[in-house]
């Protein structure tokens, strides 16, 4: 299991001279690759280190907007076509994307 906080703590101990663990030993303890530990060390030195991922709580760029969802639902309700034929007609989103929207309507 990877533990970034543990890796941070051990890297700081190595820098301050409190421990004599090698990077391979730290990698074995934390589950990270040695190259990633060097990257973490560099990020700590340049104050670019963060425990939280930068894209957390952001909506994906390719997510459906509410307007497009309503458009797809309204078009499908007015058509007599199967989902597969409707997907070929709509042709801007994948089958699974449209299927997931349409299956909620049918319930």
Protein backbone atom coordinates (compact mmCIF):
# COMPACT_ATOMS: atom_id res chain seq x y z
CA UNK A 1 0.00 0.00 0.00
CA UNK A 2 1.37 3.36 -0.99
CA UNK A 3 1.65 5.99 1.70
CA UNK A 4 2.79 9.42 0.60
CA UNK A 5 2.90 10.84 4.13
CA UNK A 6 5.21 8.03 5.26
CA UNK A 7 7.44 8.59 2.22
CA UNK A 8 7.58 12.32 2.99
CA UNK A 9 8.52 11.66 6.62
CA UNK A 10 11.26 9.18 5.68
CA UNK A 11 12.70 11.42 2.96
CA UNK A 12 12.92 14.31 5.42
CA UNK A 13 14.71 12.05 7.93
CA UNK A 14 17.23 11.03 5.26
CA UNK A 15 17.86 14.67 4.35
CA UNK A 16 18.38 15.69 7.98
CA UNK A 17 20.64 12.69 8.67
CA UNK A 18 18.40 11.10 11.31
CA UNK A 19 18.30 7.79 9.47
CA UNK A 20 20.54 5.93 7.06
CA UNK A 21 17.83 4.22 5.01
CA UNK A 22 18.54 3.88 1.31
CA UNK A 23 16.03 4.97 -1.31
CA UNK A 24 15.41 1.32 -2.17
CA UNK A 25 14.52 0.58 1.47
CA UNK A 26 12.17 3.58 1.57
CA UNK A 27 10.62 2.33 -1.68
CA UNK A 28 10.06 -1.10 -0.12
CA UNK A 29 8.46 0.44 2.97
CA UNK A 30 6.16 2.87 1.17
CA UNK A 31 5.40 0.94 -2.03
CA UNK A 32 6.64 3.70 -4.34
CA UNK A 33 9.28 3.29 -7.04
CA UNK A 34 12.75 4.68 -6.37
CA UNK A 35 12.47 7.11 -9.31
CA UNK A 36 9.25 8.48 -7.83
CA UNK A 37 11.00 9.02 -4.49
CA UNK A 38 13.64 11.11 -6.27
CA UNK A 39 10.84 13.13 -7.84
CA UNK A 40 9.23 13.62 -4.41
CA UNK A 41 12.57 14.73 -3.00
CA UNK A 42 12.95 17.30 -5.79
CA UNK A 43 9.36 18.51 -5.24
CA UNK A 44 10.03 18.92 -1.51
CA UNK A 45 13.15 20.95 -2.21
CA UNK A 46 11.30 23.28 -4.62
CA UNK A 47 8.16 23.50 -2.41
CA UNK A 48 5.92 21.98 -5.11
CA UNK A 49 4.93 19.04 -2.93
CA UNK A 50 1.25 18.41 -2.19
CA UNK A 51 -0.51 15.50 -0.51
CA UNK A 52 -3.73 16.22 -2.41
CA UNK A 53 -4.03 15.50 -6.13
CA UNK A 54 -4.43 18.62 -8.26
CA UNK A 55 -7.56 17.44 -10.10
CA UNK A 56 -9.48 16.40 -7.00
CA UNK A 57 -13.12 17.59 -6.95
CA UNK A 58 -13.00 18.80 -10.56
CA UNK A 59 -15.54 17.73 -13.14
CA UNK A 60 -14.00 15.81 -16.06
CA UNK A 61 -13.63 17.89 -19.21
CA UNK A 62 -15.40 15.31 -21.37
CA UNK A 63 -18.39 14.91 -19.01
CA UNK A 64 -21.87 15.47 -20.39
CA UNK A 65 -23.37 18.85 -19.64
CA UNK A 66 -26.92 19.00 -18.34
CA UNK A 67 -28.05 20.67 -21.58
CA UNK A 68 -26.67 17.83 -23.69
CA UNK A 69 -28.22 15.23 -21.37
CA UNK A 70 -31.63 16.83 -21.78
CA UNK A 71 -31.15 17.07 -25.55
CA UNK A 72 -30.28 13.37 -25.82
CA UNK A 73 -33.17 12.33 -23.59
CA UNK A 74 -35.70 14.44 -25.51
CA UNK A 75 -34.46 13.18 -28.89
CA UNK A 76 -34.61 9.57 -27.74
CA UNK A 77 -38.11 9.94 -26.30
CA UNK A 78 -39.38 11.27 -29.64
CA UNK A 79 -37.74 8.52 -31.68
CA UNK A 80 -38.91 4.95 -32.26
CA UNK A 81 -35.38 3.65 -32.82
CA UNK A 82 -33.47 1.19 -30.69
CA UNK A 83 -30.63 2.49 -28.56
CA UNK A 84 -28.04 1.15 -30.99
CA UNK A 85 -29.64 2.87 -34.00
CA UNK A 86 -30.10 6.04 -32.00
CA UNK A 87 -26.37 6.02 -31.13
CA UNK A 88 -25.48 5.75 -34.80
CA UNK A 89 -27.83 8.65 -35.53
CA UNK A 90 -26.52 10.87 -32.72
CA UNK A 91 -22.89 9.91 -33.45
CA UNK A 92 -21.16 12.37 -31.06
CA UNK A 93 -21.13 10.22 -27.93
CA UNK A 94 -20.33 6.57 -27.34
CA UNK A 95 -22.90 3.82 -27.06
CA UNK A 96 -22.23 3.31 -23.35
CA UNK A 97 -22.66 7.01 -22.62
CA UNK A 98 -26.05 7.17 -24.33
CA UNK A 99 -27.11 3.77 -22.98
CA UNK A 100 -26.48 4.89 -19.38
CA UNK A 101 -28.67 7.95 -19.92
CA UNK A 102 -31.45 6.04 -21.65
CA UNK A 103 -31.62 3.11 -19.22
CA UNK A 104 -32.56 5.57 -16.44
CA UNK A 105 -35.53 6.76 -18.55
CA UNK A 106 -36.87 3.27 -19.10
CA UNK A 107 -37.20 2.56 -15.36
